[in-house]
Protein backbone atom coordinates (compact mmCIF):
# COMPACT_ATOMS: atom_id res chain seq x y z
CA MET A 1 -12.69 -31.33 -23.87
CA THR A 2 -15.88 -31.46 -21.77
CA PHE A 3 -17.03 -28.66 -19.62
CA PHE A 4 -18.95 -29.44 -16.37
CA PRO A 5 -19.05 -33.29 -16.82
CA ASP A 6 -20.24 -33.40 -13.23
CA VAL A 7 -21.08 -30.74 -10.62
CA SER A 8 -17.63 -30.75 -9.05
CA THR A 9 -15.59 -30.54 -12.25
CA PHE A 10 -15.06 -27.43 -14.36
CA VAL A 11 -13.49 -29.09 -17.35
CA GLN A 12 -12.17 -32.51 -18.33
CA ILE A 13 -9.57 -32.99 -21.02
CA GLY A 14 -8.99 -36.72 -21.47
CA THR A 15 -7.96 -37.95 -18.06
CA LEU A 16 -7.15 -34.50 -16.79
CA GLU A 17 -9.75 -32.79 -14.64
CA ILE A 18 -9.85 -29.23 -13.34
CA LYS A 19 -12.15 -29.15 -10.34
CA MET A 20 -14.48 -26.36 -9.43
CA TYR A 21 -12.79 -26.32 -6.00
CA ALA A 22 -9.50 -25.19 -7.66
CA VAL A 23 -11.30 -22.71 -9.88
CA MET A 24 -13.02 -20.98 -6.93
CA ILE A 25 -9.74 -20.92 -4.90
CA LEU A 26 -7.90 -19.28 -7.76
CA THR A 27 -10.78 -16.89 -8.49
CA GLY A 28 -10.68 -15.70 -4.93
CA ALA A 29 -6.92 -15.42 -5.02
CA PHE A 30 -6.95 -13.26 -8.15
CA ILE A 31 -9.57 -10.96 -6.70
CA THR A 32 -7.25 -10.32 -3.79
CA TYR A 33 -4.38 -9.85 -6.27
CA PHE A 34 -6.11 -7.10 -8.25
CA ILE A 35 -7.12 -5.21 -5.15
CA ALA A 36 -3.61 -5.55 -3.79
CA GLU A 37 -2.04 -4.31 -6.97
CA LYS A 38 -4.24 -1.23 -7.01
CA ASN A 39 -3.42 -0.40 -3.45
CA PHE A 40 0.31 -1.10 -3.77
CA VAL A 41 0.62 1.29 -6.75
CA LYS A 42 -1.13 3.95 -4.59
CA MET A 43 1.44 3.26 -1.94
CA GLY A 44 4.23 4.06 -4.32
CA TYR A 45 5.41 0.47 -4.88
CA PRO A 46 6.04 -1.10 -8.28
CA LYS A 47 3.64 -3.71 -9.64
CA SER A 48 6.41 -6.25 -9.54
CA TYR A 49 6.19 -6.24 -5.75
CA THR A 50 2.55 -7.22 -5.98
CA GLU A 51 3.33 -10.14 -8.28
CA ASP A 52 6.16 -11.45 -6.08
CA LEU A 53 4.08 -11.09 -2.94
CA PHE A 54 0.94 -12.59 -4.50
CA PHE A 55 2.54 -15.68 -6.00
CA GLY A 56 4.76 -16.29 -2.95
CA THR A 57 1.87 -15.93 -0.57
CA LEU A 58 -0.38 -18.07 -2.77
CA PHE A 59 2.13 -20.86 -2.85
CA PHE A 60 2.89 -20.85 0.85
CA GLY A 61 -0.81 -20.33 1.56
CA ILE A 62 -1.80 -23.45 -0.31
CA VAL A 63 1.05 -25.45 1.32
CA GLY A 64 0.04 -24.19 4.77
CA ALA A 65 -3.65 -24.89 4.19
CA ARG A 66 -2.98 -28.45 3.07
CA LEU A 67 -0.47 -29.17 5.87
CA TRP A 68 -2.87 -27.84 8.48
CA TYR A 69 -5.62 -30.08 7.17
CA VAL A 70 -3.34 -33.11 7.03
CA MET A 71 -2.15 -32.47 10.63
CA PHE A 72 -5.61 -32.33 12.12
CA TYR A 73 -7.69 -34.64 9.97
CA TYR A 74 -6.68 -38.28 10.39
CA PRO A 75 -2.90 -37.63 10.00
CA GLU A 76 -2.26 -41.38 10.20
CA GLN A 77 -4.36 -41.80 6.98
CA TYR A 78 -2.11 -39.41 5.05
CA LEU A 79 1.07 -40.77 6.54
CA ALA A 80 0.05 -44.23 5.40
CA ASN A 81 -0.26 -42.93 1.88
CA PRO A 82 2.02 -39.78 1.69
CA ILE A 83 1.36 -39.21 -2.02
CA SER A 84 -2.28 -38.44 -1.12
CA ILE A 85 -1.05 -35.28 0.69
CA LEU A 86 -0.45 -33.82 -2.79
CA MET A 87 -4.00 -34.50 -4.04
CA THR A 88 -5.39 -31.16 -3.15
CA TRP A 89 -7.92 -31.23 -6.00
CA GLN A 90 -9.86 -33.80 -3.92
CA GLY A 91 -10.52 -31.13 -1.29
CA GLY A 92 -9.02 -30.89 2.14
CA MET A 93 -7.66 -27.41 2.72
CA ALA A 94 -7.74 -25.49 6.08
CA ILE A 95 -7.71 -21.77 5.35
CA GLN A 96 -6.33 -20.96 8.84
CA GLY A 97 -3.17 -22.95 8.18
CA GLY A 98 -2.81 -21.15 4.88
CA LEU A 99 -3.15 -17.75 6.65
CA PHE A 100 -0.27 -18.61 9.03
CA LEU A 101 2.22 -19.72 6.40
CA GLY A 102 1.05 -17.07 3.94
CA ALA A 103 1.51 -14.35 6.58
CA ALA A 104 4.95 -15.64 7.45
CA PHE A 105 6.00 -15.25 3.77
CA GLY A 106 4.41 -11.87 3.59
CA TRP A 107 6.31 -10.72 6.76
CA TRP A 108 9.58 -12.00 5.36
CA TYR A 109 9.03 -10.35 1.94
CA ALA A 110 8.07 -7.02 3.53
CA ARG A 111 11.28 -7.05 5.58
CA LYS A 112 13.29 -7.85 2.47
CA LYS A 113 11.79 -5.09 0.36
CA LYS A 114 11.59 -2.44 3.10
CA ILE A 115 7.80 -2.45 3.22
CA ASN A 116 5.98 -1.66 6.49
CA PHE A 117 4.24 -5.00 7.16
CA LEU A 118 1.24 -3.40 8.93
CA ARG A 119 0.70 -0.83 6.16
CA ALA A 120 0.76 -3.58 3.54
CA ALA A 121 -1.45 -5.80 5.66
CA ASP A 122 -4.09 -3.03 6.00
CA VAL A 123 -4.65 -2.89 2.27
CA ILE A 124 -4.18 -6.55 1.42
CA VAL A 125 -5.49 -8.67 4.26
CA PRO A 126 -9.15 -7.46 4.36
CA ALA A 127 -9.38 -8.44 0.61
CA ILE A 128 -8.54 -11.94 1.70
CA LEU A 129 -12.15 -12.12 3.02
CA LEU A 130 -13.28 -11.98 -0.62
CA ALA A 131 -10.91 -14.81 -1.48
CA GLN A 132 -12.27 -16.84 1.40
CA ALA A 133 -15.86 -16.07 0.31
CA ALA A 134 -15.05 -17.47 -3.15
CA GLY A 135 -13.23 -20.47 -1.60
CA ARG A 136 -16.32 -21.45 0.36
CA TRP A 137 -18.11 -21.95 -2.95
CA GLY A 138 -15.35 -24.42 -3.80
CA ASN A 139 -16.46 -26.27 -0.67
CA PHE A 140 -19.98 -26.07 -1.97
CA PHE A 141 -19.06 -27.92 -5.22
CA ASN A 142 -17.16 -30.50 -3.22
CA GLN A 143 -20.11 -30.91 -0.81
CA GLU A 144 -18.11 -30.13 2.25
CA ALA A 145 -18.16 -27.46 4.99
CA PHE A 146 -21.75 -28.25 5.78
CA GLY A 147 -23.85 -28.19 8.93
CA ARG A 148 -26.43 -30.08 10.83
CA THR A 149 -29.33 -32.03 9.29
CA VAL A 150 -32.36 -29.92 8.37
CA THR A 151 -35.78 -30.64 6.77
CA GLU A 152 -36.50 -30.07 3.06
CA ALA A 153 -38.67 -27.20 4.14
CA TYR A 154 -35.64 -25.31 5.35
CA TYR A 155 -34.68 -24.69 1.67
CA THR A 156 -37.99 -23.10 0.66
CA VAL A 157 -36.33 -19.66 0.23
CA PHE A 158 -33.13 -21.01 -1.30
CA PRO A 159 -32.37 -21.57 -5.02
CA SER A 160 -32.89 -25.16 -6.03
CA PHE A 161 -29.27 -25.71 -7.05
CA ILE A 162 -28.16 -24.98 -3.45
CA LYS A 163 -30.87 -27.21 -2.09
CA ASP A 164 -29.94 -30.08 -4.36
CA MET A 165 -26.18 -29.87 -3.53
CA MET A 166 -26.94 -29.71 0.17
CA PHE A 167 -28.42 -33.21 0.02
CA ILE A 168 -25.43 -35.00 1.55
CA GLN A 169 -25.12 -38.45 3.09
CA GLY A 170 -28.83 -39.07 2.68
CA ALA A 171 -30.11 -35.90 4.27
CA TYR A 172 -30.42 -32.19 3.67
CA ARG A 173 -27.62 -30.21 5.41
CA GLU A 174 -27.40 -26.67 6.61
CA PRO A 175 -25.42 -24.55 4.15
CA THR A 176 -22.80 -23.23 6.56
CA PHE A 177 -20.48 -22.58 3.60
CA LEU A 178 -22.95 -19.92 2.44
CA TYR A 179 -23.23 -18.31 5.84
CA GLU A 180 -19.53 -17.83 5.98
CA SER A 181 -19.25 -16.65 2.39
CA VAL A 182 -21.83 -13.98 2.93
CA LEU A 183 -20.30 -12.85 6.22
CA ASN A 184 -16.89 -12.62 4.71
CA VAL A 185 -18.15 -10.30 1.95
CA ILE A 186 -19.92 -8.14 4.48
CA GLY A 187 -16.72 -8.06 6.51
CA PHE A 188 -14.61 -6.90 3.61
CA PHE A 189 -16.90 -3.91 2.99
CA ALA A 190 -17.32 -3.10 6.65
CA ILE A 191 -13.55 -3.07 7.27
CA THR A 192 -12.51 -1.36 4.07
CA TYR A 193 -15.23 1.25 3.80
CA GLY A 194 -17.01 1.38 7.14
CA LEU A 195 -14.38 1.11 9.89
CA HIS A 196 -13.25 4.77 9.64
CA HIS A 197 -16.74 5.95 10.18
CA VAL A 198 -16.94 4.40 13.69
CA MET A 199 -13.41 4.88 14.98
CA LYS A 200 -10.18 6.79 14.34
CA VAL A 201 -8.28 4.31 12.26
CA LYS A 202 -4.57 3.92 12.89
CA ARG A 203 -2.04 1.88 11.04
CA GLY A 204 -2.78 -1.85 11.50
CA ASP A 205 -6.39 -1.41 12.45
CA ARG A 206 -7.83 -2.89 9.22
CA PHE A 207 -5.52 -5.88 9.67
CA TYR A 208 -6.70 -6.26 13.26
CA GLY A 209 -10.29 -5.72 12.04
CA TYR A 210 -9.85 -8.76 9.74
CA LEU A 211 -8.59 -10.92 12.61
CA VAL A 212 -11.53 -9.94 14.82
CA TRP A 213 -14.18 -10.24 12.14
CA TYR A 214 -12.91 -13.53 10.72
CA GLY A 215 -12.27 -14.84 14.18
CA PHE A 216 -15.85 -14.29 15.35
CA THR A 217 -17.38 -15.42 12.03
CA ARG A 218 -15.36 -18.62 11.92
CA PHE A 219 -15.95 -19.40 15.63
CA PHE A 220 -19.71 -19.04 15.21
CA ILE A 221 -19.89 -20.98 11.83
CA GLU A 222 -17.57 -23.74 13.11
CA GLY A 223 -19.96 -24.44 15.96
CA LEU A 224 -22.69 -25.21 13.32
CA ARG A 225 -20.62 -27.48 11.15
CA THR A 226 -20.63 -31.26 11.46
CA ASP A 227 -17.41 -31.88 9.44
CA SER A 228 -15.06 -29.87 11.58
CA LEU A 229 -11.37 -30.67 12.15
CA TYR A 230 -10.52 -31.56 15.77
CA VAL A 231 -7.33 -31.34 17.69
CA TRP A 232 -5.99 -34.91 17.29
CA GLY A 233 -9.20 -36.72 18.00
CA THR A 234 -10.30 -34.58 20.92
CA PHE A 235 -13.57 -32.73 21.27
CA ILE A 236 -11.79 -29.40 20.69
CA ARG A 237 -12.45 -27.88 17.25
CA THR A 238 -9.23 -26.69 15.73
CA ALA A 239 -10.75 -23.73 13.89
CA GLN A 240 -12.39 -22.39 17.03
CA VAL A 241 -9.13 -22.50 18.97
CA VAL A 242 -7.41 -20.51 16.20
CA SER A 243 -10.38 -18.15 15.97
CA ILE A 244 -10.01 -17.26 19.64
CA PHE A 245 -6.34 -16.61 19.00
CA PHE A 246 -7.21 -14.30 16.10
CA ILE A 247 -9.77 -12.46 18.12
CA LEU A 248 -7.37 -11.91 21.02
CA ILE A 249 -4.59 -10.56 18.75
CA GLY A 250 -7.03 -8.32 16.92
CA LEU A 251 -8.45 -6.83 20.04
CA LEU A 252 -4.96 -6.25 21.58
CA GLY A 253 -4.05 -4.49 18.36
CA PHE A 254 -7.22 -2.31 18.36
CA PHE A 255 -6.49 -1.22 21.96
CA GLY A 256 -2.93 -0.26 21.05
CA VAL A 257 -1.07 -2.85 23.15
CA PHE A 258 1.32 -3.59 20.32
CA ASP A 259 1.85 0.12 19.57
CA LYS A 260 3.25 0.52 23.13
CA LEU A 261 5.65 -2.38 22.62
CA ARG A 262 7.07 -1.03 19.31
CA LYS A 263 9.64 1.72 19.20
CA LYS A 264 8.08 4.88 17.83
CA VAL A 265 9.43 5.62 14.34
CA LYS A 266 10.43 9.18 13.46
CA PRO A 267 9.44 9.98 9.94
CA ILE A 268 12.08 10.82 7.31
CA ILE A 269 11.58 14.45 6.19
CA LEU A 270 12.35 15.24 2.51
CA PHE A 271 12.28 18.81 1.27
CA ASP A 272 12.00 20.42 -2.12
CA LEU A 273 14.75 23.12 -2.46
CA ASP A 274 13.69 26.21 -4.46
CA GLY A 275 10.90 28.07 -2.72
CA THR A 276 10.89 25.69 0.15
CA LEU A 277 14.31 25.94 1.92
CA LEU A 278 15.94 28.49 -0.38
CA ASP A 279 14.43 31.76 -1.64
CA THR A 280 15.55 31.42 -5.22
CA GLU A 281 12.50 33.05 -6.86
CA GLN A 282 14.31 36.16 -8.04
CA LEU A 283 17.30 34.09 -9.17
CA ILE A 284 15.13 31.81 -11.29
CA ILE A 285 13.03 34.62 -12.75
CA GLU A 286 15.99 36.83 -13.62
CA THR A 287 17.92 33.90 -15.14
CA PHE A 288 14.91 32.90 -17.27
CA LYS A 289 14.26 36.46 -18.43
CA ALA A 290 17.94 36.86 -19.42
CA VAL A 291 18.02 33.55 -21.33
CA LEU A 292 14.68 34.24 -23.02
CA LYS A 293 15.88 37.73 -24.00
CA GLN A 294 18.72 35.94 -25.79
CA PHE A 295 16.74 33.24 -27.52
CA LYS A 296 13.35 34.95 -27.93
CA PRO A 297 13.86 38.71 -27.63
CA ASP A 298 10.32 39.66 -28.62
CA LEU A 299 8.65 37.71 -25.90
CA LYS A 300 7.03 39.76 -23.22
CA VAL A 301 7.32 37.92 -19.83
CA SER A 302 4.17 38.38 -17.68
CA ARG A 303 3.87 37.73 -13.98
CA GLU A 304 1.87 34.59 -14.69
CA MET A 305 4.75 33.37 -16.85
CA GLU A 306 7.27 34.16 -14.13
CA LEU A 307 5.39 32.03 -11.63
CA SER A 308 5.19 29.20 -14.19
CA PHE A 309 9.01 29.02 -14.10
CA LEU A 310 8.93 27.99 -10.40
CA GLY A 311 8.67 24.25 -10.01
CA PRO A 312 8.93 22.51 -13.42
CA THR A 313 12.19 21.36 -14.88
CA LEU A 314 14.12 23.65 -17.23
CA THR A 315 13.48 21.33 -20.17
CA GLU A 316 9.76 21.47 -19.51
CA SER A 317 9.70 25.26 -19.15
CA PHE A 318 11.80 26.00 -22.22
CA GLY A 319 9.98 23.33 -24.17
CA LYS A 320 6.76 25.37 -23.88
CA LEU A 321 8.39 28.60 -25.10
CA LEU A 322 11.11 27.73 -27.59
CA PRO A 323 11.52 25.65 -30.70
CA GLU A 324 12.83 22.15 -30.03
CA ASP A 325 16.27 22.85 -31.45
CA GLN A 326 16.73 25.76 -29.04
CA VAL A 327 15.75 23.96 -25.86
CA GLN A 328 19.11 22.39 -25.13
CA PRO A 329 21.22 25.55 -25.84
CA ALA A 330 18.82 27.54 -23.65
CA PHE A 331 19.19 24.91 -20.96
CA GLU A 332 22.97 25.20 -21.00
CA ALA A 333 22.84 29.01 -21.05
CA TYR A 334 20.48 28.99 -18.04
CA ARG A 335 22.78 26.68 -16.05
CA THR A 336 25.86 28.80 -16.63
CA LEU A 337 24.15 32.12 -15.87
CA ASN A 338 22.30 30.70 -12.86
CA LYS A 339 25.50 29.60 -11.16
CA GLU A 340 26.99 33.07 -11.75
CA LEU A 341 24.00 34.79 -10.20
CA HIS A 342 23.70 32.44 -7.18
CA PRO A 343 25.77 34.64 -4.74
CA LYS A 344 23.71 37.71 -5.64
CA TYR A 345 20.15 36.32 -5.36
CA VAL A 346 20.09 33.10 -3.19
CA LYS A 347 19.17 33.31 0.44
CA ALA A 348 17.55 30.94 2.96
CA MET A 349 13.77 31.00 3.41
CA PRO A 350 12.59 32.64 6.65
CA GLY A 351 13.03 30.15 9.51
CA ALA A 352 14.78 27.54 7.37
CA LYS A 353 18.04 27.35 9.37
CA GLU A 354 16.22 27.36 12.69
CA LEU A 355 13.88 24.57 11.53
CA LEU A 356 16.70 22.35 10.25
CA GLU A 357 18.76 22.94 13.44
CA ASP A 358 15.67 21.94 15.55
CA LEU A 359 14.84 18.81 13.47
CA LYS A 360 18.42 17.58 13.42
CA ALA A 361 18.70 18.07 17.21
CA LYS A 362 15.50 15.91 17.62
CA GLY A 363 17.04 13.10 15.58
CA TYR A 364 15.15 13.44 12.33
CA THR A 365 16.68 12.21 9.16
CA LEU A 366 16.55 14.90 6.50
CA GLY A 367 16.94 14.97 2.76
CA ILE A 368 16.38 17.01 -0.36
CA VAL A 369 14.75 16.00 -3.66
CA SER A 370 15.02 18.82 -6.20
CA SER A 371 14.39 19.54 -9.86
CA LYS A 372 17.85 21.22 -10.00
CA LYS A 373 21.04 19.38 -10.69
CA LYS A 374 22.82 18.16 -7.65
CA ASP A 375 25.81 20.46 -7.92
CA ALA A 376 23.48 23.50 -8.09
CA VAL A 377 21.64 22.26 -5.02
CA GLU A 378 24.92 21.80 -3.12
CA LEU A 379 26.06 25.32 -4.24
CA GLY A 380 22.86 26.93 -2.87
CA LEU A 381 23.07 25.11 0.39
CA SER A 382 26.72 26.02 0.83
CA LEU A 383 26.08 29.75 0.15
CA THR A 384 23.33 29.83 2.74
CA GLY A 385 25.06 27.63 5.35
CA LEU A 386 22.43 24.83 5.13
CA ASP A 387 24.78 22.20 3.83
CA SER A 388 25.40 20.22 7.02
CA TYR A 389 21.88 19.03 7.75
CA PHE A 390 21.10 16.50 5.02
CA SER A 391 21.76 12.76 4.79
CA VAL A 392 20.72 12.51 1.12
CA ILE A 393 20.39 14.88 -1.80
CA ILE A 394 18.71 13.74 -5.03
CA GLY A 395 19.08 16.10 -7.99
CA TYR A 396 17.64 16.43 -11.50
CA ASP A 397 20.66 14.54 -12.93
CA GLU A 398 20.18 11.51 -10.72
CA VAL A 399 16.75 10.40 -11.97
CA LYS A 400 15.32 9.25 -15.29
CA LYS A 401 11.87 10.54 -14.59
CA PHE A 402 11.24 13.97 -13.06
CA LYS A 403 8.65 15.32 -10.68
CA PRO A 404 5.70 14.79 -10.60
CA ASP A 405 7.01 11.28 -11.08
CA PRO A 406 7.99 9.92 -7.61
CA GLU A 407 11.35 8.44 -8.68
CA GLY A 408 13.41 11.02 -6.92
CA LEU A 409 11.53 10.55 -3.65
CA LEU A 410 11.74 6.82 -3.77
CA ASN A 411 15.44 6.98 -4.69
CA ALA A 412 16.06 9.09 -1.61
CA CYS A 413 14.61 6.34 0.56
CA LYS A 414 16.71 3.73 -1.17
CA ALA A 415 19.84 5.79 -0.60
CA LEU A 416 18.96 5.94 3.10
CA ASN A 417 18.18 2.15 3.10
CA ALA A 418 14.86 3.02 4.65
CA TYR A 419 11.18 2.33 4.31
CA HIS A 420 9.12 4.92 2.42
CA ASP A 421 6.11 4.16 4.56
CA ASP A 422 6.98 6.85 7.08
CA VAL A 423 8.11 9.85 4.99
CA ILE A 424 7.07 13.48 4.76
CA TYR A 425 7.70 15.59 1.64
CA VAL A 426 7.54 19.35 2.06
CA GLY A 427 7.12 21.41 -1.15
CA ASP A 428 5.84 24.68 -2.46
CA THR A 429 4.35 23.57 -5.85
CA ASP A 430 1.54 21.35 -7.02
CA THR A 431 4.20 19.33 -8.82
CA ASP A 432 5.78 18.48 -5.46
CA MET A 433 2.48 17.43 -3.95
CA VAL A 434 1.59 15.20 -6.92
CA ALA A 435 5.01 13.52 -6.64
CA ALA A 436 4.40 12.87 -2.90
CA ASP A 437 0.96 11.52 -3.68
CA LYS A 438 2.33 9.08 -6.29
CA ALA A 439 4.91 7.93 -3.79
CA GLY A 440 2.28 7.38 -1.12
CA MET A 441 4.07 9.84 1.17
CA TYR A 442 2.61 12.36 3.57
CA SER A 443 2.52 15.69 1.75
CA VAL A 444 3.01 19.16 3.34
CA ALA A 445 2.17 22.09 1.08
CA TYR A 446 4.16 25.18 1.94
CA VAL A 447 2.09 28.12 0.62
CA THR A 448 4.36 31.13 -0.10
CA HIS A 449 2.37 32.74 -2.94
CA PRO A 450 -1.31 33.48 -2.94
CA GLU A 451 -1.28 33.05 -6.73
CA ARG A 452 -0.30 29.42 -6.33
CA LYS A 453 -2.41 28.57 -3.32
CA ASP A 454 -5.40 27.25 -5.31
CA ALA A 455 -3.20 24.94 -7.42
CA LEU A 456 -1.58 23.60 -4.26
CA LEU A 457 -4.77 22.95 -2.45
CA ALA A 458 -6.29 21.27 -5.55
CA THR A 459 -3.77 18.44 -4.98
CA LYS A 460 -5.34 17.83 -1.55
CA PRO A 461 -2.13 17.73 0.50
CA ASN A 462 -2.17 16.12 3.92
CA ALA A 463 -1.26 19.38 5.61
CA VAL A 464 -0.76 23.09 4.69
CA ILE A 465 1.71 25.46 6.27
CA THR A 466 2.47 29.14 5.58
CA HIS A 467 5.71 29.31 7.57
CA LEU A 468 8.36 26.68 8.20
CA SER A 469 8.00 27.15 11.98
CA GLU A 470 4.63 25.42 11.64
CA LEU A 471 6.23 22.06 10.73
CA PRO A 472 7.57 20.97 14.24
CA PRO A 473 4.08 21.11 15.89
CA LEU A 474 2.71 19.11 12.99
CA LEU A 475 5.20 16.37 13.77
CA GLU A 476 3.79 15.87 17.24
CA GLN A 477 0.61 14.33 15.82
CA PRO A 478 0.26 10.61 16.73
CA ILE A 479 -0.40 9.46 13.13
CA SER A 480 1.20 7.28 10.44
CA TRP A 481 3.17 9.46 8.05
CA THR A 482 1.73 8.26 4.73
CA ARG A 483 -0.45 9.75 2.05
CA THR A 484 -3.49 7.85 3.23
CA THR A 485 -3.43 8.50 6.92
CA THR A 486 -6.51 8.69 9.24
């Protein structure tokens, strides 16, 4: 095994060679992967989605990049020796072809997995600039993607290793690979961290920003190169034609042309139950006090303790107060007594029925994700006349992981066969808000208790309301209904 036997080879094992070109391409690809994985988890998607999307896009991207190069660079040469088409380690990849085929796979996968394509593209595509920046260094090691002839003095301010590698075909060449690499890195940071400082960013804008930035960058750099691909032997540079197309699509996207063509999507609205739609505070407190009196009669229940019962699961609450062997019996006693007391204590929150009636009439899809068992949820809704408004109900007994885990919220979307990229979750506890955050959903904190306001606000919800009647005006905002919305 020999490392760096020549400047273009990373390692040689017998007759097998791994070229620096391949190493740089894969390095860039994995940089994009790690950024995508981090962002996908924030969006509420499992890591497996990132893996599937990454490897599928990488495969089709490589195929597309190679086929694009073959189509526009002496295609007759490759057709005369078809096996040479597979020899990608010798160089000969056109990133724009890879973008087209890779994007096609990404769109298909997004549709299959119920992912909003533009939302995914916003967090993934700008990172492709880093992959392209690394890939240009693969061109460097292959001594390609260079520019016009320059004098040796041109390289006075450049490191010697760049100068030496840019001596190609008997002359020093302009390092256009380096120009594009640097501009791509700048573009990534400008789009990811700077765009929202200069404009109000809507869904798709970072994707469109990539198209515009890369389009202008590539158009300019391609004009400096002397090894460009041309449209079947004509004077037209293939990359510049595609760059103009990218710029046009990006600008149309920025100016909202595509938004007008798309049907406006109404967000799904999911609610917590207790303290959000139903006033069950007295029910919960009285039931807890009765059960604790039975299992721990000497315990003095404070107001702070009463508030702590609101939100967490029964197992969690009893687990903090009782020995482990008493948690399950207390749980069962609570459930039995709670059902008995429902008719006495349960009532709708102020404005709940009017809100649900209004939302249903406007065509919104509604659901409930609660920490109570489903039968208890249905009982409360039936007693208060709110049982006819919901398309999905997810209870405590239908999930393996409980809030603040987002499983219940995500399961509600699966049950509706819907994206979770346009979903609002309304809840009255910090646990609800954290669950919405982990699901990547737009969170609305319903403040009903001054004592819990600070805990709610600490979760940084997207919006805060103090009465359910404040929700409809909020829905009129022209924004994307996700956790990260600007």
